[in-house]
C-alpha atoms as a PDB file:
ATOM      1  CA  MET A   1      40.757  65.785  31.196  1.00  0.00           C
ATOM      2  CA  GLU A   2      39.152  66.262  27.814  1.00  0.00           C
ATOM      3  CA  PHE A   3      40.795  64.720  24.740  1.00  0.00           C
ATOM      4  CA  ALA A   4      41.262  68.154  23.158  1.00  0.00           C
ATOM      5  CA  GLU A   5      43.081  69.291  26.296  1.00  0.00           C
ATOM      6  CA  LEU A   6      45.235  66.151  26.205  1.00  0.00           C
ATOM      7  CA  LEU A   7      46.350  66.979  22.660  1.00  0.00           C
ATOM      8  CA  ARG A   8      47.630  70.337  23.883  1.00  0.00           C
ATOM      9  CA  THR A   9      49.904  68.641  26.431  1.00  0.00           C
ATOM     10  CA  GLU A  10      53.568  69.439  25.846  1.00  0.00           C
ATOM     11  CA  ILE A  11      55.526  66.270  25.036  1.00  0.00           C
ATOM     12  CA  SER A  12      59.308  66.247  24.820  1.00  0.00           C
ATOM     13  CA  THR A  13      62.247  63.894  25.140  1.00  0.00           C
ATOM     14  CA  THR A  14      62.440  63.073  28.836  1.00  0.00           C
ATOM     15  CA  GLU A  15      65.435  63.634  31.074  1.00  0.00           C
ATOM     16  CA  PHE A  16      65.480  59.885  31.771  1.00  0.00           C
ATOM     17  CA  GLU A  17      65.637  59.061  28.047  1.00  0.00           C
ATOM     18  CA  LEU A  18      68.397  61.580  27.344  1.00  0.00           C
ATOM     19  CA  LYS A  19      70.417  60.444  30.366  1.00  0.00           C
ATOM     20  CA  ASN A  20      70.131  56.687  29.864  1.00  0.00           C
ATOM     21  CA  PHE A  21      69.423  56.017  26.193  1.00  0.00           C
ATOM     22  CA  ILE A  22      70.847  58.943  24.204  1.00  0.00           C
ATOM     23  CA  VAL A  23      73.885  60.245  26.085  1.00  0.00           C
ATOM     24  CA  GLY A  24      74.158  57.381  28.571  1.00  0.00           C
ATOM     25  CA  ALA A  25      73.961  54.769  25.824  1.00  0.00           C
ATOM     26  CA  GLN A  26      77.370  55.879  24.547  1.00  0.00           C
ATOM     27  CA  LEU A  27      80.121  53.575  25.757  1.00  0.00           C
ATOM     28  CA  SER A  28      83.022  55.965  26.271  1.00  0.00           C
ATOM     29  CA  PRO A  29      83.579  59.472  27.690  1.00  0.00           C
ATOM     30  CA  HIS A  30      84.644  60.666  24.239  1.00  0.00           C
ATOM     31  CA  ARG A  31      81.420  59.418  22.648  1.00  0.00           C
ATOM     32  CA  LYS A  32      79.282  60.782  25.479  1.00  0.00           C
ATOM     33  CA  LEU A  33      80.788  64.230  25.025  1.00  0.00           C
ATOM     34  CA  ARG A  34      80.350  63.943  21.272  1.00  0.00           C
ATOM     35  CA  GLN A  35      76.683  63.069  21.758  1.00  0.00           C
ATOM     36  CA  ILE A  36      76.212  65.954  24.191  1.00  0.00           C
ATOM     37  CA  VAL A  37      77.645  68.362  21.603  1.00  0.00           C
ATOM     38  CA  LEU A  38      75.520  66.920  18.780  1.00  0.00           C
ATOM     39  CA  GLU A  39      72.294  66.914  20.793  1.00  0.00           C
ATOM     40  CA  GLY A  40      73.002  70.370  22.225  1.00  0.00           C
ATOM     41  CA  ASN A  41      73.724  71.847  18.796  1.00  0.00           C
ATOM     42  CA  VAL A  42      70.458  70.482  17.408  1.00  0.00           C
ATOM     43  CA  ARG A  43      68.439  72.073  20.233  1.00  0.00           C
ATOM     44  CA  GLU A  44      70.307  75.397  20.025  1.00  0.00           C
ATOM     45  CA  ASP A  45      69.753  75.550  16.250  1.00  0.00           C
ATOM     46  CA  ASN A  46      66.073  74.734  16.744  1.00  0.00           C
ATOM     47  CA  ILE A  47      65.700  77.492  19.351  1.00  0.00           C
ATOM     48  CA  THR A  48      67.472  80.046  17.145  1.00  0.00           C
ATOM     49  CA  ASN A  49      65.488  79.199  14.007  1.00  0.00           C
ATOM     50  CA  SER A  50      62.225  79.046  15.945  1.00  0.00           C
ATOM     51  CA  GLY A  51      63.023  82.518  17.296  1.00  0.00           C
ATOM     52  CA  PHE A  52      63.371  83.799  13.733  1.00  0.00           C
ATOM     53  CA  ASP A  53      60.107  82.073  12.770  1.00  0.00           C
ATOM     54  CA  LEU A  54      58.357  83.604  15.776  1.00  0.00           C
ATOM     55  CA  SER A  55      59.540  87.107  14.896  1.00  0.00           C
ATOM     56  CA  ILE A  56      58.349  86.727  11.302  1.00  0.00           C
ATOM     57  CA  ALA A  57      55.004  85.225  12.374  1.00  0.00           C
ATOM     58  CA  ASN A  58      54.352  88.075  14.827  1.00  0.00           C
ATOM     59  CA  SER A  59      55.039  90.632  12.095  1.00  0.00           C
ATOM     60  CA  GLU A  60      52.780  88.766   9.675  1.00  0.00           C
ATOM     61  CA  LEU A  61      50.040  88.720  12.318  1.00  0.00           C
ATOM     62  CA  ALA A  62      50.342  92.473  12.800  1.00  0.00           C
ATOM     63  CA  ILE A  63      50.077  93.009   9.024  1.00  0.00           C
ATOM     64  CA  LEU A  64      46.985  90.795   8.827  1.00  0.00           C
ATOM     65  CA  LYS A  65      45.312  92.738  11.644  1.00  0.00           C
ATOM     66  CA  GLU A  66      46.039  96.005   9.828  1.00  0.00           C
ATOM     67  CA  GLU A  67      44.579  94.553   6.625  1.00  0.00           C
ATOM     68  CA  LEU A  68      41.459  93.445   8.503  1.00  0.00           C
ATOM     69  CA  ASP A  69      40.961  96.944   9.951  1.00  0.00           C
ATOM     70  CA  GLU A  70      41.161  98.441   6.464  1.00  0.00           C
ATOM     71  CA  GLU A  71      39.127  95.759   4.661  1.00  0.00           C
ATOM     72  CA  SER A  72      35.605  96.757   3.690  1.00  0.00           C
ATOM     73  CA  ASN A  73      34.644  93.603   1.787  1.00  0.00           C
ATOM     74  CA  LEU A  74      32.859  91.141   4.122  1.00  0.00           C
ATOM     75  CA  HIS A  75      34.097  87.975   2.428  1.00  0.00           C
ATOM     76  CA  ARG A  76      37.636  89.214   2.141  1.00  0.00           C
ATOM     77  CA  GLY A  77      37.431  90.194   5.820  1.00  0.00           C
ATOM     78  CA  ASN A  78      36.333  86.664   6.735  1.00  0.00           C
ATOM     79  CA  ILE A  79      39.308  85.209   4.866  1.00  0.00           C
ATOM     80  CA  ILE A  80      41.702  87.546   6.675  1.00  0.00           C
ATOM     81  CA  SER A  81      40.098  86.587  10.013  1.00  0.00           C
ATOM     82  CA  VAL A  82      40.738  82.923   9.258  1.00  0.00           C
ATOM     83  CA  GLU A  83      44.356  83.740   8.340  1.00  0.00           C
ATOM     84  CA  ILE A  84      44.710  85.627  11.636  1.00  0.00           C
ATOM     85  CA  ASN A  85      43.461  82.620  13.625  1.00  0.00           C
ATOM     86  CA  ARG A  86      45.772  80.335  11.684  1.00  0.00           C
ATOM     87  CA  LYS A  87      48.710  82.649  12.394  1.00  0.00           C
ATOM     88  CA  ILE A  88      47.865  82.754  16.113  1.00  0.00           C
ATOM     89  CA  ILE A  89      47.925  78.943  16.227  1.00  0.00           C
ATOM     90  CA  GLN A  90      51.233  78.941  14.345  1.00  0.00           C
ATOM     91  CA  ILE A  91      52.724  81.358  16.874  1.00  0.00           C
ATOM     92  CA  GLU A  92      51.573  79.208  19.786  1.00  0.00           C
ATOM     93  CA  ASN A  93      53.103  76.125  18.157  1.00  0.00           C
ATOM     94  CA  ILE A  94      56.420  77.914  17.641  1.00  0.00           C
ATOM     95  CA  LYS A  95      56.420  78.971  21.308  1.00  0.00           C
ATOM     96  CA  LYS A  96      55.832  75.335  22.301  1.00  0.00           C
ATOM     97  CA  GLN A  97      58.751  74.251  20.102  1.00  0.00           C
ATOM     98  CA  ILE A  98      61.030  76.797  21.739  1.00  0.00           C
ATOM     99  CA  LYS A  99      59.919  75.752  25.224  1.00  0.00           C
ATOM    100  CA  ARG A 100      60.383  72.055  24.406  1.00  0.00           C
ATOM    101  CA  ASN A 101      63.874  72.577  22.995  1.00  0.00           C
ATOM    102  CA  GLU A 102      64.896  74.772  25.947  1.00  0.00           C
ATOM    103  CA  LYS A 103      63.728  72.055  28.328  1.00  0.00           C
ATOM    104  CA  GLU A 104      65.661  69.353  26.468  1.00  0.00           C
ATOM    105  CA  LEU A 105      68.736  71.599  26.271  1.00  0.00           C
ATOM    106  CA  SER A 106      68.652  71.987  30.059  1.00  0.00           C
ATOM    107  CA  PHE A 107      68.683  68.174  30.397  1.00  0.00           C
ATOM    108  CA  ILE A 108      71.656  67.954  28.031  1.00  0.00           C
ATOM    109  CA  GLU A 109      73.491  70.634  29.991  1.00  0.00           C
ATOM    110  CA  LYS A 110      72.967  68.567  33.161  1.00  0.00           C
ATOM    111  CA  GLU A 111      74.724  65.651  31.475  1.00  0.00           C
ATOM    112  CA  PHE A 112      77.677  67.866  30.616  1.00  0.00           C
ATOM    113  CA  VAL A 113      77.847  69.264  34.163  1.00  0.00           C
ATOM    114  CA  ALA A 114      77.825  65.701  35.516  1.00  0.00           C
ATOM    115  CA  MET A 115      80.714  64.716  33.231  1.00  0.00           C
ATOM    116  CA  ASP A 116      82.613  67.880  34.081  1.00  0.00           C
ATOM    117  CA  SER A 117      82.225  67.090  37.789  1.00  0.00           C
ATOM    118  CA  GLU A 118      83.353  63.498  37.240  1.00  0.00           C
ATOM    119  CA  PHE A 119      86.407  64.153  35.063  1.00  0.00           C
ATOM    120  CA  GLY A 120      87.266  67.836  35.557  1.00  0.00           C
ATOM    121  CA  THR A 121      87.557  70.579  32.957  1.00  0.00           C
ATOM    122  CA  ASN A 122      91.155  69.742  32.005  1.00  0.00           C
ATOM    123  CA  ILE A 123      90.313  66.103  31.274  1.00  0.00           C
ATOM    124  CA  ILE A 124      87.197  67.120  29.326  1.00  0.00           C
ATOM    125  CA  GLU A 125      89.292  69.398  27.119  1.00  0.00           C
ATOM    126  CA  GLU A 126      91.879  66.646  26.701  1.00  0.00           C
ATOM    127  CA  ILE A 127      89.222  64.111  25.690  1.00  0.00           C
ATOM    128  CA  LEU A 128      88.062  66.423  22.903  1.00  0.00           C
ATOM    129  CA  LEU A 129      91.519  67.089  21.487  1.00  0.00           C
ATOM    130  CA  PRO A 130      91.698  65.988  17.818  1.00  0.00           C
ATOM    131  CA  SER A 131      95.030  64.318  18.555  1.00  0.00           C
ATOM    132  CA  ASN A 132      93.270  61.925  20.969  1.00  0.00           C
ATOM    133  CA  GLU A 133      90.407  61.048  18.629  1.00  0.00           C
ATOM    134  CA  ASN A 134      91.937  57.939  17.026  1.00  0.00           C
ATOM    135  CA  GLU A 135      92.711  56.361  20.387  1.00  0.00           C
ATOM    136  CA  ALA A 136      89.269  57.268  21.727  1.00  0.00           C
ATOM    137  CA  GLU A 137      87.523  55.819  18.669  1.00  0.00           C
ATOM    138  CA  THR A 138      89.630  52.650  18.858  1.00  0.00           C
ATOM    139  CA  ASN A 139      88.626  52.099  22.488  1.00  0.00           C
ATOM    140  CA  TYR A 140      84.994  52.879  21.684  1.00  0.00           C
ATOM    141  CA  TRP A 141      84.713  50.349  18.868  1.00  0.00           C
ATOM    142  CA  ILE A 142      86.477  47.639  20.851  1.00  0.00           C
ATOM    143  CA  GLU A 143      84.009  48.202  23.692  1.00  0.00           C
ATOM    144  CA  ARG A 144      80.948  48.411  21.454  1.00  0.00           C
ATOM    145  CA  LEU A 145      81.658  45.432  19.210  1.00  0.00           C
ATOM    146  CA  SER A 146      82.898  43.216  22.054  1.00  0.00           C
ATOM    147  CA  ARG A 147      79.715  44.005  23.973  1.00  0.00           C
ATOM    148  CA  GLN A 148      77.511  43.258  20.961  1.00  0.00           C
ATOM    149  CA  ALA A 149      79.392  40.013  20.270  1.00  0.00           C
ATOM    150  CA  SER A 150      79.070  38.996  23.916  1.00  0.00           C
ATOM    151  CA  ASN A 151      75.337  39.685  23.854  1.00  0.00           C
ATOM    152  CA  ASP A 152      75.054  37.515  20.735  1.00  0.00           C
ATOM    153  CA  VAL A 153      76.807  34.594  22.431  1.00  0.00           C
ATOM    154  CA  ILE A 154      74.668  34.877  25.566  1.00  0.00           C
ATOM    155  CA  ALA A 155      71.442  35.067  23.537  1.00  0.00           C
ATOM    156  CA  THR A 156      72.109  32.610  20.681  1.00  0.00           C
ATOM    157  CA  GLY A 157      75.370  30.804  21.425  1.00  0.00           C
ATOM    158  CA  ARG A 158      77.246  32.424  18.540  1.00  0.00           C
ATOM    159  CA  ILE A 159      78.306  35.819  17.210  1.00  0.00           C
ATOM    160  CA  SER A 160      75.911  37.140  14.557  1.00  0.00           C
ATOM    161  CA  THR A 161      77.038  37.572  10.967  1.00  0.00           C
ATOM    162  CA  GLY A 162      76.604  41.337  11.216  1.00  0.00           C
ATOM    163  CA  ASN A 163      78.890  41.626  14.239  1.00  0.00           C
ATOM    164  CA  ILE A 164      81.477  39.255  12.729  1.00  0.00           C
ATOM    165  CA  ASP A 165      81.557  41.469   9.624  1.00  0.00           C
ATOM    166  CA  ALA A 166      81.935  44.570  11.796  1.00  0.00           C
ATOM    167  CA  ILE A 167      84.822  43.026  13.757  1.00  0.00           C
ATOM    168  CA  LEU A 168      86.525  42.004  10.504  1.00  0.00           C
ATOM    169  CA  ASN A 169      86.312  45.632   9.377  1.00  0.00           C
ATOM    170  CA  LEU A 170      88.470  46.674  12.333  1.00  0.00           C
ATOM    171  CA  PRO A 171      92.222  47.208  11.893  1.00  0.00           C
ATOM    172  CA  ASP A 172      94.109  43.905  12.168  1.00  0.00           C
ATOM    173  CA  ASN A 173      95.851  44.918  15.393  1.00  0.00           C
ATOM    174  CA  ILE A 174      92.580  45.177  17.365  1.00  0.00           C
ATOM    175  CA  LYS A 175      90.473  42.334  15.912  1.00  0.00           C
ATOM    176  CA  GLY A 176      91.949  39.847  18.371  1.00  0.00           C
ATOM    177  CA  THR A 177      91.665  42.300  21.256  1.00  0.00           C
ATOM    178  CA  THR A 178      87.963  42.776  20.483  1.00  0.00           C
ATOM    179  CA  LEU A 179      87.264  39.027  20.397  1.00  0.00           C
ATOM    180  CA  ILE A 180      89.186  38.459  23.643  1.00  0.00           C
ATOM    181  CA  GLU A 181      87.200  41.250  25.286  1.00  0.00           C
ATOM    182  CA  ALA A 182      83.970  39.672  24.008  1.00  0.00           C
ATOM    183  CA  ILE A 183      84.949  36.346  25.580  1.00  0.00           C
ATOM    184  CA  ARG A 184      85.789  38.090  28.861  1.00  0.00           C
ATOM    185  CA  LYS A 185      82.434  39.895  28.920  1.00  0.00           C
ATOM    186  CA  THR A 186      80.592  36.662  28.112  1.00  0.00           C
ATOM    187  CA  GLY A 187      82.261  34.903  31.040  1.00  0.00           C
ATOM    188  CA  ILE A 188      81.301  37.693  33.436  1.00  0.00           C
ATOM    189  CA  ILE A 189      77.664  37.670  32.295  1.00  0.00           C
ATOM    190  CA  GLU A 190      77.462  33.861  32.480  1.00  0.00           C
ATOM    191  CA  ASP A 191      78.882  33.919  36.019  1.00  0.00           C
ATOM    192  CA  VAL A 192      76.320  36.517  37.093  1.00  0.00           C
ATOM    193  CA  ILE A 193      73.481  34.501  35.534  1.00  0.00           C
ATOM    194  CA  LYS A 194      74.630  31.308  37.301  1.00  0.00           C
ATOM    195  CA  GLU A 195      74.910  33.154  40.608  1.00  0.00           C
ATOM    196  CA  GLU A 196      71.393  34.577  40.290  1.00  0.00           C
ATOM    197  CA  GLN A 197      70.012  31.184  39.271  1.00  0.00           C
ATOM    198  CA  LEU A 198      71.557  29.620  42.409  1.00  0.00           C
ATOM    199  CA  LYS A 199      69.966  32.350  44.534  1.00  0.00           C
ATOM    200  CA  ILE A 200      66.576  31.694  42.937  1.00  0.00           C
ATOM    201  CA  SER A 201      66.969  27.923  43.373  1.00  0.00           C
ATOM    202  CA  GLY A 202      67.896  28.406  47.033  1.00  0.00           C
ATOM    203  CA  THR A 203      64.884  30.622  47.643  1.00  0.00           C
ATOM    204  CA  ASN A 204      62.527  28.151  45.956  1.00  0.00           C
ATOM    205  CA  SER A 205      63.912  25.197  47.914  1.00  0.00           C
ATOM    206  CA  LYS A 206      63.334  27.022  51.218  1.00  0.00           C
ATOM    207  CA  GLU A 207      59.705  27.617  50.251  1.00  0.00           C
END
């Protein structure tokens, strides 16, 4: 493959990345659905606006071709020819943008279908009800901050200043719950690490 051909390769956000690090990185069904909506809206807007841009660019190309046919001045004709080539490249780039966004939108739709299959349409609609948002957000932040605090303790032996500040920003009635959950998560991780270390030690001793 030539380098110039490589540069024409279509690159987009991968299905793996969207599944595991964009949508999948969210820690609650409510947040996953929220992320699906946000990511889907961005791609749909991009496709719509790119469609408008493509329509305008095609019309501009047609006008330039008409101008070239009617132009008698050589130098002016050369300039129009350059503008035509530039417009053709622009059109191809817009088509690539549309194709890339359609591909990513199909990945996002797969994530929604998977959630719909897991929870069912009624539960999905219930999750998105505004009346359930406060409870969903409370559960999300307990899960997120307890996980981050637990990771801190495993990595450094203490909760970082940033995560302590974040926990202190929580309502008083869930600060303790978050810290207890962090301790619980830390214990689980430590147990898993010890178990794996024993397995490794046993394997090494046999060798």
